[in-house]
Amino acid sequence: MALAGTLLMATSARGAELRSLRLAGATRGQVRVVVAGEALVATAVGAALGAAVSAVYLAGLAGALGLLGAPVGIWPGAV
């Protein structure tokens, strides 16, 4: 939800830039492809950064649980 709001805000803030692309001769389809491509890149970068931060956090959590002697596994009851 937050990502959709961010992309919507970024697109609406760039309205003048998108209109200038149309005035420069870009078709509606070309402008749509540019916006979709930028959204795809932003989503991919956000997902990669989120996965990296989560991996670091979970590694630290697993290390802390290991120090306490708690079983650390992917499934409940797995050691």
PDB file of N, CA and C in Angstrom:
ATOM      1  N   MET A   1       0.818  -1.171   0.000  1.00  0.00           N
ATOM      2  CA  MET A   1       0.000   0.000   0.000  1.00  0.00           C
ATOM      3  C   MET A   1       0.877   1.254   0.000  1.00  0.00           C
ATOM      4  N   ALA A   2       1.912   1.242   0.817  1.00  0.00           N
ATOM      5  CA  ALA A   2       2.797   2.400   0.876  1.00  0.00           C
ATOM      6  C   ALA A   2       3.512   2.605  -0.455  1.00  0.00           C
ATOM      7  N   LEU A   3       3.897   1.505  -1.088  1.00  0.00           N
ATOM      8  CA  LEU A   3       4.576   1.608  -2.376  1.00  0.00           C
ATOM      9  C   LEU A   3       3.654   2.207  -3.434  1.00  0.00           C
ATOM     10  N   ALA A   4       2.404   1.797  -3.438  1.00  0.00           N
ATOM     11  CA  ALA A   4       1.451   2.339  -4.413  1.00  0.00           C
ATOM     12  C   ALA A   4       1.250   3.834  -4.188  1.00  0.00           C
ATOM     13  N   GLY A   5       1.153   4.242  -2.934  1.00  0.00           N
ATOM     14  CA  GLY A   5       1.010   5.661  -2.618  1.00  0.00           C
ATOM     15  C   GLY A   5       2.223   6.467  -3.040  1.00  0.00           C
ATOM     16  N   THR A   6       3.399   5.907  -2.817  1.00  0.00           N
ATOM     17  CA  THR A   6       4.637   6.587  -3.205  1.00  0.00           C
ATOM     18  C   THR A   6       4.722   6.747  -4.715  1.00  0.00           C
ATOM     19  N   LEU A   7       4.397   5.686  -5.444  1.00  0.00           N
ATOM     20  CA  LEU A   7       4.448   5.756  -6.902  1.00  0.00           C
ATOM     21  C   LEU A   7       3.407   6.735  -7.447  1.00  0.00           C
ATOM     22  N   LEU A   8       2.223   6.752  -6.841  1.00  0.00           N
ATOM     23  CA  LEU A   8       1.185   7.685  -7.281  1.00  0.00           C
ATOM     24  C   LEU A   8       1.613   9.127  -7.030  1.00  0.00           C
ATOM     25  N   MET A   9       2.202   9.392  -5.860  1.00  0.00           N
ATOM     26  CA  MET A   9       2.650  10.737  -5.531  1.00  0.00           C
ATOM     27  C   MET A   9       3.774  11.176  -6.472  1.00  0.00           C
ATOM     28  N   ALA A  10       4.705  10.271  -6.746  1.00  0.00           N
ATOM     29  CA  ALA A  10       5.812  10.615  -7.634  1.00  0.00           C
ATOM     30  C   ALA A  10       5.319  10.899  -9.046  1.00  0.00           C
ATOM     31  N   THR A  11       4.350  10.131  -9.516  1.00  0.00           N
ATOM     32  CA  THR A  11       3.819  10.332 -10.860  1.00  0.00           C
ATOM     33  C   THR A  11       3.036  11.637 -10.952  1.00  0.00           C
ATOM     34  N   SER A  12       2.218  11.929  -9.949  1.00  0.00           N
ATOM     35  CA  SER A  12       1.431  13.165  -9.994  1.00  0.00           C
ATOM     36  C   SER A  12       2.329  14.395  -9.852  1.00  0.00           C
ATOM     37  N   ALA A  13       3.421  14.274  -9.112  1.00  0.00           N
ATOM     38  CA  ALA A  13       4.354  15.397  -8.967  1.00  0.00           C
ATOM     39  C   ALA A  13       5.119  15.660 -10.260  1.00  0.00           C
ATOM     40  N   ARG A  14       5.215  14.653 -11.103  1.00  0.00           N
ATOM     41  CA  ARG A  14       5.967  14.792 -12.357  1.00  0.00           C
ATOM     42  C   ARG A  14       5.058  15.064 -13.538  1.00  0.00           C
ATOM     43  N   GLY A  15       3.877  15.559 -13.285  1.00  0.00           N
ATOM     44  CA  GLY A  15       2.913  15.809 -14.354  1.00  0.00           C
ATOM     45  C   GLY A  15       3.453  16.724 -15.432  1.00  0.00           C
ATOM     46  N   ALA A  16       4.150  17.791 -15.041  1.00  0.00           N
ATOM     47  CA  ALA A  16       4.695  18.727 -16.028  1.00  0.00           C
ATOM     48  C   ALA A  16       5.741  18.045 -16.907  1.00  0.00           C
ATOM     49  N   GLU A  17       6.549  17.200 -16.299  1.00  0.00           N
ATOM     50  CA  GLU A  17       7.575  16.488 -17.075  1.00  0.00           C
ATOM     51  C   GLU A  17       6.928  15.520 -18.067  1.00  0.00           C
ATOM     52  N   LEU A  18       5.892  14.833 -17.624  1.00  0.00           N
ATOM     53  CA  LEU A  18       5.202  13.906 -18.521  1.00  0.00           C
ATOM     54  C   LEU A  18       4.491  14.655 -19.646  1.00  0.00           C
ATOM     55  N   ARG A  19       3.924  15.815 -19.331  1.00  0.00           N
ATOM     56  CA  ARG A  19       3.289  16.622 -20.386  1.00  0.00           C
ATOM     57  C   ARG A  19       4.328  17.123 -21.385  1.00  0.00           C
ATOM     58  N   SER A  20       5.524  17.466 -20.904  1.00  0.00           N
ATOM     59  CA  SER A  20       6.553  17.932 -21.837  1.00  0.00           C
ATOM     60  C   SER A  20       7.023  16.796 -22.750  1.00  0.00           C
ATOM     61  N   LEU A  21       7.005  15.564 -22.255  1.00  0.00           N
ATOM     62  CA  LEU A  21       7.319  14.419 -23.126  1.00  0.00           C
ATOM     63  C   LEU A  21       6.285  14.318 -24.248  1.00  0.00           C
ATOM     64  N   ARG A  22       5.016  14.516 -23.891  1.00  0.00           N
ATOM     65  CA  ARG A  22       3.966  14.477 -24.915  1.00  0.00           C
ATOM     66  C   ARG A  22       4.143  15.608 -25.924  1.00  0.00           C
ATOM     67  N   LEU A  23       4.501  16.812 -25.427  1.00  0.00           N
ATOM     68  CA  LEU A  23       4.701  17.947 -26.331  1.00  0.00           C
ATOM     69  C   LEU A  23       5.917  17.737 -27.235  1.00  0.00           C
ATOM     70  N   ALA A  24       6.894  16.957 -26.753  1.00  0.00           N
ATOM     71  CA  ALA A  24       8.097  16.694 -27.537  1.00  0.00           C
ATOM     72  C   ALA A  24       7.857  15.626 -28.605  1.00  0.00           C
ATOM     73  N   GLY A  25       6.665  15.012 -28.585  1.00  0.00           N
ATOM     74  CA  GLY A  25       6.347  14.061 -29.641  1.00  0.00           C
ATOM     75  C   GLY A  25       6.167  12.629 -29.189  1.00  0.00           C
ATOM     76  N   ALA A  26       6.292  12.363 -27.891  1.00  0.00           N
ATOM     77  CA  ALA A  26       6.093  11.001 -27.406  1.00  0.00           C
ATOM     78  C   ALA A  26       4.602  10.671 -27.435  1.00  0.00           C
ATOM     79  N   THR A  27       4.302   9.450 -27.786  1.00  0.00           N
ATOM     80  CA  THR A  27       2.905   9.024 -27.792  1.00  0.00           C
ATOM     81  C   THR A  27       2.475   8.668 -26.367  1.00  0.00           C
ATOM     82  N   ARG A  28       1.163   8.529 -26.176  1.00  0.00           N
ATOM     83  CA  ARG A  28       0.668   8.135 -24.854  1.00  0.00           C
ATOM     84  C   ARG A  28       1.242   6.787 -24.434  1.00  0.00           C
ATOM     85  N   GLY A  29       1.352   5.893 -25.388  1.00  0.00           N
ATOM     86  CA  GLY A  29       1.909   4.575 -25.103  1.00  0.00           C
ATOM     87  C   GLY A  29       3.358   4.647 -24.662  1.00  0.00           C
ATOM     88  N   GLN A  30       4.139   5.515 -25.302  1.00  0.00           N
ATOM     89  CA  GLN A  30       5.541   5.660 -24.922  1.00  0.00           C
ATOM     90  C   GLN A  30       5.677   6.236 -23.518  1.00  0.00           C
ATOM     91  N   VAL A  31       4.841   7.212 -23.184  1.00  0.00           N
ATOM     92  CA  VAL A  31       4.872   7.786 -21.837  1.00  0.00           C
ATOM     93  C   VAL A  31       4.458   6.734 -20.819  1.00  0.00           C
ATOM     94  N   ARG A  32       3.451   5.937 -21.168  1.00  0.00           N
ATOM     95  CA  ARG A  32       3.006   4.862 -20.282  1.00  0.00           C
ATOM     96  C   ARG A  32       4.119   3.851 -20.045  1.00  0.00           C
ATOM     97  N   VAL A  33       4.877   3.523 -21.089  1.00  0.00           N
ATOM     98  CA  VAL A  33       5.986   2.571 -20.949  1.00  0.00           C
ATOM     99  C   VAL A  33       7.069   3.146 -20.035  1.00  0.00           C
ATOM    100  N   VAL A  34       7.363   4.446 -20.167  1.00  0.00           N
ATOM    101  CA  VAL A  34       8.368   5.081 -19.312  1.00  0.00           C
ATOM    102  C   VAL A  34       7.931   5.021 -17.852  1.00  0.00           C
ATOM    103  N   VAL A  35       6.677   5.375 -17.583  1.00  0.00           N
ATOM    104  CA  VAL A  35       6.174   5.363 -16.205  1.00  0.00           C
ATOM    105  C   VAL A  35       6.173   3.936 -15.654  1.00  0.00           C
ATOM    106  N   ALA A  36       5.735   2.974 -16.442  1.00  0.00           N
ATOM    107  CA  ALA A  36       5.709   1.578 -15.989  1.00  0.00           C
ATOM    108  C   ALA A  36       7.115   1.050 -15.742  1.00  0.00           C
ATOM    109  N   GLY A  37       8.058   1.414 -16.600  1.00  0.00           N
ATOM    110  CA  GLY A  37       9.445   0.987 -16.407  1.00  0.00           C
ATOM    111  C   GLY A  37      10.043   1.553 -15.136  1.00  0.00           C
ATOM    112  N   GLU A  38       9.782   2.837 -14.874  1.00  0.00           N
ATOM    113  CA  GLU A  38      10.292   3.444 -13.647  1.00  0.00           C
ATOM    114  C   GLU A  38       9.657   2.804 -12.412  1.00  0.00           C
ATOM    115  N   ALA A  39       8.375   2.479 -12.492  1.00  0.00           N
ATOM    116  CA  ALA A  39       7.700   1.818 -11.375  1.00  0.00           C
ATOM    117  C   ALA A  39       8.290   0.428 -11.143  1.00  0.00           C
ATOM    118  N   LEU A  40       8.591  -0.284 -12.213  1.00  0.00           N
ATOM    119  CA  LEU A  40       9.185  -1.609 -12.094  1.00  0.00           C
ATOM    120  C   LEU A  40      10.567  -1.537 -11.439  1.00  0.00           C
ATOM    121  N   VAL A  41      11.376  -0.574 -11.859  1.00  0.00           N
ATOM    122  CA  VAL A  41      12.715  -0.420 -11.277  1.00  0.00           C
ATOM    123  C   VAL A  41      12.609  -0.042  -9.800  1.00  0.00           C
ATOM    124  N   ALA A  42      11.722   0.892  -9.466  1.00  0.00           N
ATOM    125  CA  ALA A  42      11.557   1.308  -8.068  1.00  0.00           C
ATOM    126  C   ALA A  42      11.091   0.141  -7.201  1.00  0.00           C
ATOM    127  N   THR A  43      10.175  -0.663  -7.723  1.00  0.00           N
ATOM    128  CA  THR A  43       9.685  -1.822  -6.986  1.00  0.00           C
ATOM    129  C   THR A  43      10.780  -2.858  -6.791  1.00  0.00           C
ATOM    130  N   ALA A  44      11.564  -3.118  -7.836  1.00  0.00           N
ATOM    131  CA  ALA A  44      12.645  -4.103  -7.742  1.00  0.00           C
ATOM    132  C   ALA A  44      13.711  -3.663  -6.753  1.00  0.00           C
ATOM    133  N   VAL A  45      14.079  -2.394  -6.798  1.00  0.00           N
ATOM    134  CA  VAL A  45      15.093  -1.881  -5.862  1.00  0.00           C
ATOM    135  C   VAL A  45      14.562  -1.951  -4.429  1.00  0.00           C
ATOM    136  N   GLY A  46      13.306  -1.569  -4.233  1.00  0.00           N
ATOM    137  CA  GLY A  46      12.708  -1.636  -2.900  1.00  0.00           C
ATOM    138  C   GLY A  46      12.644  -3.061  -2.370  1.00  0.00           C
ATOM    139  N   ALA A  47      12.292  -3.999  -3.229  1.00  0.00           N
ATOM    140  CA  ALA A  47      12.223  -5.402  -2.811  1.00  0.00           C
ATOM    141  C   ALA A  47      13.615  -5.937  -2.464  1.00  0.00           C
ATOM    142  N   ALA A  48      14.614  -5.594  -3.263  1.00  0.00           N
ATOM    143  CA  ALA A  48      15.980  -6.062  -2.998  1.00  0.00           C
ATOM    144  C   ALA A  48      16.516  -5.475  -1.695  1.00  0.00           C
ATOM    145  N   LEU A  49      16.298  -4.181  -1.480  1.00  0.00           N
ATOM    146  CA  LEU A  49      16.757  -3.566  -0.236  1.00  0.00           C
ATOM    147  C   LEU A  49      16.008  -4.136   0.969  1.00  0.00           C
ATOM    148  N   GLY A  50      14.713  -4.347   0.820  1.00  0.00           N
ATOM    149  CA  GLY A  50      13.941  -4.934   1.903  1.00  0.00           C
ATOM    150  C   GLY A  50      14.402  -6.343   2.240  1.00  0.00           C
ATOM    151  N   ALA A  51      14.710  -7.134   1.217  1.00  0.00           N
ATOM    152  CA  ALA A  51      15.204  -8.494   1.449  1.00  0.00           C
ATOM    153  C   ALA A  51      16.572  -8.475   2.131  1.00  0.00           C
ATOM    154  N   ALA A  52      17.435  -7.546   1.731  1.00  0.00           N
ATOM    155  CA  ALA A  52      18.764  -7.459   2.341  1.00  0.00           C
ATOM    156  C   ALA A  52      18.669  -7.048   3.809  1.00  0.00           C
ATOM    157  N   VAL A  53      17.845  -6.060   4.099  1.00  0.00           N
ATOM    158  CA  VAL A  53      17.677  -5.623   5.490  1.00  0.00           C
ATOM    159  C   VAL A  53      17.063  -6.740   6.325  1.00  0.00           C
ATOM    160  N   SER A  54      16.094  -7.441   5.774  1.00  0.00           N
ATOM    161  CA  SER A  54      15.462  -8.551   6.495  1.00  0.00           C
ATOM    162  C   SER A  54      16.452  -9.675   6.759  1.00  0.00           C
ATOM    163  N   ALA A  55      17.302  -9.969   5.791  1.00  0.00           N
ATOM    164  CA  ALA A  55      18.291 -11.035   5.967  1.00  0.00           C
ATOM    165  C   ALA A  55      19.263 -10.691   7.088  1.00  0.00           C
ATOM    166  N   VAL A  56      19.710  -9.446   7.133  1.00  0.00           N
ATOM    167  CA  VAL A  56      20.629  -9.024   8.196  1.00  0.00           C
ATOM    168  C   VAL A  56      19.938  -9.116   9.555  1.00  0.00           C
ATOM    169  N   TYR A  57      18.705  -8.635   9.625  1.00  0.00           N
ATOM    170  CA  TYR A  57      17.951  -8.681  10.875  1.00  0.00           C
ATOM    171  C   TYR A  57      17.747 -10.119  11.329  1.00  0.00           C
ATOM    172  N   LEU A  58      17.317 -10.988  10.420  1.00  0.00           N
ATOM    173  CA  LEU A  58      17.053 -12.375  10.787  1.00  0.00           C
ATOM    174  C   LEU A  58      18.326 -13.123  11.158  1.00  0.00           C
ATOM    175  N   ALA A  59      19.449 -12.788  10.528  1.00  0.00           N
ATOM    176  CA  ALA A  59      20.713 -13.418  10.901  1.00  0.00           C
ATOM    177  C   ALA A  59      21.092 -13.024  12.327  1.00  0.00           C
ATOM    178  N   GLY A  60      20.917 -11.758  12.670  1.00  0.00           N
ATOM    179  CA  GLY A  60      21.194 -11.318  14.034  1.00  0.00           C
ATOM    180  C   GLY A  60      20.262 -11.968  15.037  1.00  0.00           C
ATOM    181  N   LEU A  61      19.001 -12.092  14.680  1.00  0.00           N
ATOM    182  CA  LEU A  61      18.030 -12.738  15.551  1.00  0.00           C
ATOM    183  C   LEU A  61      18.377 -14.210  15.758  1.00  0.00           C
ATOM    184  N   ALA A  62      18.752 -14.882  14.690  1.00  0.00           N
ATOM    185  CA  ALA A  62      19.138 -16.294  14.800  1.00  0.00           C
ATOM    186  C   ALA A  62      20.387 -16.446  15.668  1.00  0.00           C
ATOM    187  N   GLY A  63      21.342 -15.516  15.516  1.00  0.00           N
ATOM    188  CA  GLY A  63      22.542 -15.566  16.356  1.00  0.00           C
ATOM    189  C   GLY A  63      22.220 -15.370  17.826  1.00  0.00           C
ATOM    190  N   ALA A  64      21.335 -14.435  18.122  1.00  0.00           N
ATOM    191  CA  ALA A  64      20.949 -14.184  19.511  1.00  0.00           C
ATOM    192  C   ALA A  64      20.217 -15.385  20.097  1.00  0.00           C
ATOM    193  N   LEU A  65      19.320 -15.968  19.326  1.00  0.00           N
ATOM    194  CA  LEU A  65      18.614 -17.154  19.807  1.00  0.00           C
ATOM    195  C   LEU A  65      19.568 -18.326  19.987  1.00  0.00           C
ATOM    196  N   GLY A  66      20.572 -18.409  19.110  1.00  0.00           N
ATOM    197  CA  GLY A  66      21.566 -19.469  19.247  1.00  0.00           C
ATOM    198  C   GLY A  66      22.371 -19.328  20.530  1.00  0.00           C
ATOM    199  N   LEU A  67      22.686 -18.093  20.915  1.00  0.00           N
ATOM    200  CA  LEU A  67      23.403 -17.859  22.169  1.00  0.00           C
ATOM    201  C   LEU A  67      22.566 -18.265  23.374  1.00  0.00           C
ATOM    202  N   LEU A  68      21.274 -18.141  23.264  1.00  0.00           N
ATOM    203  CA  LEU A  68      20.380 -18.525  24.350  1.00  0.00           C
ATOM    204  C   LEU A  68      20.089 -20.020  24.363  1.00  0.00           C
ATOM    205  N   GLY A  69      20.534 -20.716  23.341  1.00  0.00           N
ATOM    206  CA  GLY A  69      20.308 -22.165  23.259  1.00  0.00           C
ATOM    207  C   GLY A  69      18.955 -22.527  22.702  1.00  0.00           C
ATOM    208  N   ALA A  70      18.247 -21.564  22.148  1.00  0.00           N
ATOM    209  CA  ALA A  70      16.925 -21.846  21.586  1.00  0.00           C
ATOM    210  C   ALA A  70      17.100 -22.477  20.217  1.00  0.00           C
ATOM    211  N   PRO A  71      16.236 -23.420  19.853  1.00  0.00           N
ATOM    212  CA  PRO A  71      16.328 -24.015  18.521  1.00  0.00           C
ATOM    213  C   PRO A  71      15.927 -22.999  17.456  1.00  0.00           C
ATOM    214  N   VAL A  72      16.730 -22.939  16.419  1.00  0.00           N
ATOM    215  CA  VAL A  72      16.465 -22.020  15.315  1.00  0.00           C
ATOM    216  C   VAL A  72      16.260 -22.859  14.069  1.00  0.00           C
ATOM    217  N   GLY A  73      15.069 -22.768  13.499  1.00  0.00           N
ATOM    218  CA  GLY A  73      14.779 -23.533  12.305  1.00  0.00           C
ATOM    219  C   GLY A  73      13.753 -22.808  11.459  1.00  0.00           C
ATOM    220  N   ILE A  74      13.538 -23.321  10.273  1.00  0.00           N
ATOM    221  CA  ILE A  74      12.580 -22.710   9.361  1.00  0.00           C
ATOM    222  C   ILE A  74      11.158 -23.096   9.760  1.00  0.00           C
ATOM    223  N   TRP A  75      10.956 -24.336  10.152  1.00  0.00           N
ATOM    224  CA  TRP A  75       9.644 -24.823  10.567  1.00  0.00           C
ATOM    225  C   TRP A  75       9.615 -25.007  12.066  1.00  0.00           C
ATOM    226  N   PRO A  76       8.461 -24.822  12.673  1.00  0.00           N
ATOM    227  CA  PRO A  76       8.358 -25.032  14.126  1.00  0.00           C
ATOM    228  C   PRO A  76       8.772 -26.459  14.500  1.00  0.00           C
ATOM    229  N   GLY A  77       9.610 -26.567  15.488  1.00  0.00           N
ATOM    230  CA  GLY A  77      10.084 -27.874  15.932  1.00  0.00           C
ATOM    231  C   GLY A  77      11.324 -28.359  15.214  1.00  0.00           C
ATOM    232  N   ALA A  78      11.724 -27.704  14.129  1.00  0.00           N
ATOM    233  CA  ALA A  78      12.942 -28.105  13.408  1.00  0.00           C
ATOM    234  C   ALA A  78      14.159 -27.554  14.139  1.00  0.00           C
ATOM    235  N   VAL A  79      15.195 -28.344  14.201  1.00  0.00           N
ATOM    236  CA  VAL A  79      16.415 -27.891  14.884  1.00  0.00           C
ATOM    237  C   VAL A  79      17.531 -27.735  13.880  1.00  0.00           C
TER     238      VAL A  79
END
